[in-house]
Protein backbone atom coordinates (compact mmCIF):
# COMPACT_ATOMS: atom_id res chain seq x y z
CA MET A 1 127.66 31.21 98.36
CA SER A 2 127.33 29.69 94.91
CA PHE A 3 130.34 29.52 92.52
CA MET A 4 128.53 32.11 90.26
CA THR A 5 128.02 34.53 93.17
CA ALA A 6 131.62 34.10 94.31
CA ALA A 7 132.90 34.70 90.72
CA LEU A 8 130.69 37.83 90.37
CA SER A 9 132.07 39.08 93.70
CA VAL A 10 135.66 38.64 92.56
CA LEU A 11 135.00 40.27 89.22
CA GLY A 12 133.21 43.17 91.02
CA ALA A 13 136.19 43.67 93.45
CA PHE A 14 138.65 43.46 90.46
CA ALA A 15 136.65 46.02 88.46
CA LEU A 16 136.60 48.43 91.49
CA TYR A 17 140.31 47.89 91.80
CA ALA A 18 140.96 48.55 88.17
CA ILE A 19 138.80 51.67 88.15
CA GLY A 20 140.53 53.01 91.32
CA TYR A 21 143.90 52.25 89.94
CA PHE A 22 143.09 54.06 86.64
CA PHE A 23 142.08 57.20 88.50
CA TRP A 24 145.09 57.02 90.82
CA VAL A 25 147.38 56.97 87.79
CA VAL A 26 145.54 59.88 86.20
CA TRP A 27 145.91 61.77 89.52
CA ILE A 28 149.59 61.19 90.05
CA SER A 29 150.31 61.87 86.28
CA SER A 30 148.80 65.36 86.58
CA LYS A 31 150.76 66.77 89.54
CA ALA A 32 154.24 67.12 90.87
CA THR A 33 155.55 64.91 93.70
CA THR A 34 156.54 66.15 97.10
CA GLY A 35 159.42 65.06 99.29
CA LYS A 36 161.75 65.95 102.19
CA LEU A 37 163.12 69.50 102.02
CA ILE A 38 166.85 69.67 101.35
CA ASP A 39 169.33 71.88 103.14
CA ARG A 40 170.56 73.92 100.17
CA ALA A 41 173.34 75.52 102.29
CA THR A 42 175.04 72.19 102.42
CA ARG A 43 174.54 71.43 98.73
CA PRO A 44 176.66 73.88 96.71
CA ASN A 45 176.78 71.92 93.42
CA THR A 46 174.77 72.23 90.26
CA ALA A 47 173.54 69.60 87.91
CA LEU A 48 172.08 69.68 84.41
CA LEU A 49 168.98 67.52 83.87
CA VAL A 50 168.27 66.51 80.31
CA ILE A 51 164.66 65.47 80.34
CA ASP A 52 163.09 62.80 77.86
CA VAL A 53 165.11 63.63 74.75
CA GLN A 54 164.16 60.16 73.39
CA GLU A 55 163.48 59.12 69.78
CA ASP A 56 159.80 58.31 70.57
CA PHE A 57 159.26 61.92 71.60
CA THR A 58 161.58 63.77 69.33
CA ARG A 59 160.76 61.89 66.10
CA ASN A 60 158.00 59.24 66.47
CA SER A 61 155.18 61.13 68.04
CA PRO A 62 151.89 61.56 66.17
CA LYS A 63 152.21 65.22 67.01
CA PRO A 64 156.01 65.66 66.22
CA TYR A 65 158.29 68.64 66.59
CA SER A 66 159.22 70.21 63.38
CA GLU A 67 162.64 69.13 62.11
CA ASP A 68 163.92 72.74 62.62
CA ALA A 69 162.58 72.81 66.24
CA ARG A 70 163.98 69.46 67.10
CA ALA A 71 167.43 70.25 65.55
CA ARG A 72 167.56 73.62 67.22
CA GLY A 73 166.48 72.40 70.56
CA ILE A 74 168.94 69.48 70.70
CA ALA A 75 171.79 71.63 69.47
CA ARG A 76 171.18 74.01 72.33
CA ILE A 77 170.90 71.05 74.82
CA ASN A 78 174.27 69.79 73.52
CA GLN A 79 175.76 73.30 74.10
CA GLU A 80 174.50 73.08 77.65
CA ILE A 81 175.86 69.61 78.17
CA GLU A 82 179.28 70.78 76.90
CA ALA A 83 179.20 73.86 79.17
CA ALA A 84 178.19 71.71 82.19
CA HIS A 85 181.10 69.36 81.59
CA ALA A 86 183.52 72.29 81.20
CA ALA A 87 182.26 73.67 84.52
CA GLY A 88 182.66 70.37 86.29
CA GLN A 89 178.86 69.98 86.80
CA GLU A 90 176.90 66.75 86.80
CA VAL A 91 174.86 66.01 83.65
CA ILE A 92 171.96 63.62 84.26
CA LEU A 93 169.65 61.98 81.75
CA ILE A 94 166.00 61.50 82.53
CA LYS A 95 164.22 58.79 80.62
CA GLN A 96 160.43 58.29 80.29
CA VAL A 97 158.97 54.82 80.26
CA PHE A 98 155.29 54.41 81.01
CA ARG A 99 154.94 51.47 83.52
CA HIS A 100 151.40 51.88 84.69
CA TRP A 101 148.92 49.95 82.53
CA PRO A 102 146.42 52.75 82.16
CA ALA A 103 149.09 55.00 80.71
CA ILE A 104 150.49 52.20 78.57
CA LEU A 105 146.93 51.57 77.24
CA ALA A 106 146.31 55.16 76.52
CA MET A 107 149.60 55.56 74.74
CA LYS A 108 149.04 52.53 72.63
CA LEU A 109 145.51 53.59 71.67
CA LEU A 110 146.14 57.28 71.15
CA MET A 111 149.79 57.84 70.63
CA ARG A 112 151.18 54.92 68.58
CA GLY A 113 152.58 53.39 71.71
CA ILE A 114 155.36 55.91 72.20
CA GLY A 115 157.16 55.66 75.54
CA THR A 116 155.87 52.18 76.29
CA PRO A 117 158.10 49.32 77.40
CA GLY A 118 160.14 47.40 74.79
CA ARG A 119 160.27 50.03 72.04
CA LYS A 120 163.37 51.02 70.24
CA GLY A 121 162.21 54.62 70.44
CA LEU A 122 162.94 54.71 74.16
CA ALA A 123 166.57 55.31 73.18
CA PHE A 124 167.91 58.82 73.50
CA ASP A 125 167.81 60.81 70.33
CA GLU A 126 170.80 59.95 68.09
CA ASP A 127 171.81 63.61 67.92
CA LEU A 128 172.00 64.01 71.64
CA LYS A 129 175.67 64.07 72.89
CA ALA A 130 175.46 63.18 76.52
CA GLY A 131 178.32 60.61 76.71
CA ASN A 132 178.08 58.26 79.64
CA ALA A 133 175.85 60.46 81.77
CA PRO A 134 173.79 58.63 84.51
CA VAL A 135 170.30 57.76 83.50
CA PHE A 136 167.24 57.83 85.72
CA GLU A 137 163.92 56.41 84.47
CA LYS A 138 160.61 57.79 85.40
CA PRO A 139 157.06 56.43 84.84
CA ILE A 140 155.24 59.81 85.10
CA GLY A 141 156.10 63.44 84.30
CA ASP A 142 157.96 64.44 87.43
CA ALA A 143 161.53 62.93 87.41
CA PHE A 144 161.43 62.94 91.26
CA SER A 145 158.84 60.16 91.03
CA ASN A 146 162.00 57.97 90.97
CA PRO A 147 163.43 58.37 94.42
CA ALA A 148 166.81 57.26 93.18
CA LEU A 149 167.25 60.62 91.49
CA ASP A 150 166.82 62.56 94.77
CA ALA A 151 169.22 60.18 96.47
CA TYR A 152 171.82 60.62 93.73
CA LEU A 153 171.71 64.36 93.94
CA ALA A 154 172.15 64.17 97.68
CA GLY A 155 175.23 62.05 97.17
CA GLN A 156 176.59 64.70 94.84
CA ASN A 157 175.69 67.55 97.08
CA VAL A 158 173.59 69.16 94.37
CA GLY A 159 171.22 71.87 95.41
CA HIS A 160 170.84 73.76 92.08
CA LEU A 161 169.22 72.20 89.03
CA ARG A 162 169.24 73.46 85.53
CA LEU A 163 166.50 71.96 83.38
CA THR A 164 166.36 71.21 79.65
CA GLY A 165 164.51 68.82 77.44
CA LEU A 166 160.78 68.14 76.82
CA ASP A 167 158.00 68.63 76.92
CA ALA A 168 158.22 72.06 78.63
CA CYS A 169 154.49 71.98 79.32
CA GLN A 170 154.56 68.45 80.80
CA CYS A 171 157.63 66.69 82.13
CA VAL A 172 159.86 69.79 82.39
CA GLN A 173 157.17 71.67 84.27
CA PHE A 174 156.38 68.75 86.62
CA THR A 175 160.08 68.01 87.40
CA ALA A 176 160.64 71.81 88.07
CA LYS A 177 157.73 71.73 90.53
CA GLY A 178 158.94 68.49 92.17
CA ALA A 179 162.41 70.05 92.66
CA LEU A 180 160.88 73.30 94.04
CA ASN A 181 158.71 71.27 96.39
CA ARG A 182 161.91 69.81 97.86
CA GLY A 183 163.82 73.14 98.13
CA TYR A 184 166.10 72.94 95.12
CA ALA A 185 167.05 76.09 93.31
CA VAL A 186 165.69 75.61 89.71
CA ASP A 187 166.76 77.26 86.56
CA ILE A 188 164.93 76.39 83.38
CA ILE A 189 166.95 76.97 80.28
CA GLU A 190 164.12 78.02 78.03
CA PRO A 191 165.92 77.84 74.64
CA ALA A 192 166.94 74.30 75.57
CA THR A 193 163.40 73.09 76.08
CA MET A 194 160.74 72.18 73.56
CA THR A 195 156.94 71.91 73.54
CA VAL A 196 154.29 70.76 70.99
CA THR A 197 151.82 73.02 72.71
CA PRO A 198 153.52 76.41 72.71
CA GLU A 199 150.09 78.17 73.28
CA LYS A 200 150.01 76.59 76.76
CA TRP A 201 153.49 77.71 77.85
CA PRO A 202 152.98 81.31 78.89
CA PRO A 203 150.65 80.65 81.83
CA ILE A 204 152.78 77.68 82.88
CA LYS A 205 155.94 79.81 82.81
CA ASP A 206 154.19 82.40 84.91
CA GLU A 207 153.19 79.79 87.40
CA LEU A 208 156.66 78.45 87.59
CA LEU A 209 158.12 82.04 88.04
CA ALA A 210 155.71 82.60 90.97
CA ALA A 211 156.75 79.31 92.53
CA GLY A 212 160.45 80.39 92.50
CA ALA A 213 161.86 79.02 89.28
CA ALA A 214 164.37 81.12 87.32
CA PHE A 215 164.64 81.22 83.50
CA SER A 216 167.70 81.73 81.34
């Protein structure tokens, strides 16, 4: 085999790998994860999840939330955080950081790079008042894509999740489905969520209701 033939074979194999990896990332990014079912009877506690309330998504996006929607949504999330603390419930911050190169490339080309590694905008919104709540990073929409979250909830005997944050049509939806797939009770606090595509929300809400999610 000549050097040229070998080089072409290597390039071809790399191209196939890159294409396969690209479509794998697209696939995992468009669905909720699955996992071992929990025994909810042994998990009496409740946790509040605050999903992706980061500067890149609340302020820096090419398709931003209005100032009024952002302020109103974060104010309600802060109320839920305060109520959870008063009730002795866990408050958990979920942080989006795109780690797969196809997602990073797409965000840099189409979305000004929001959510990609190294950006100051990965910080939580300056108006969010979450204190020293634990933080779990995720590379895709479903927060349960980070197995450390499920393990932490198990350690805290949490079987009921209350979801807030953004985007309701994306990461809130996928996290809710990931939790339901594992047997958690899920309550989506609708006034404490935000979406830049409100026209897509009604059928997604119906689907979540049918899957067993509650809304408040």
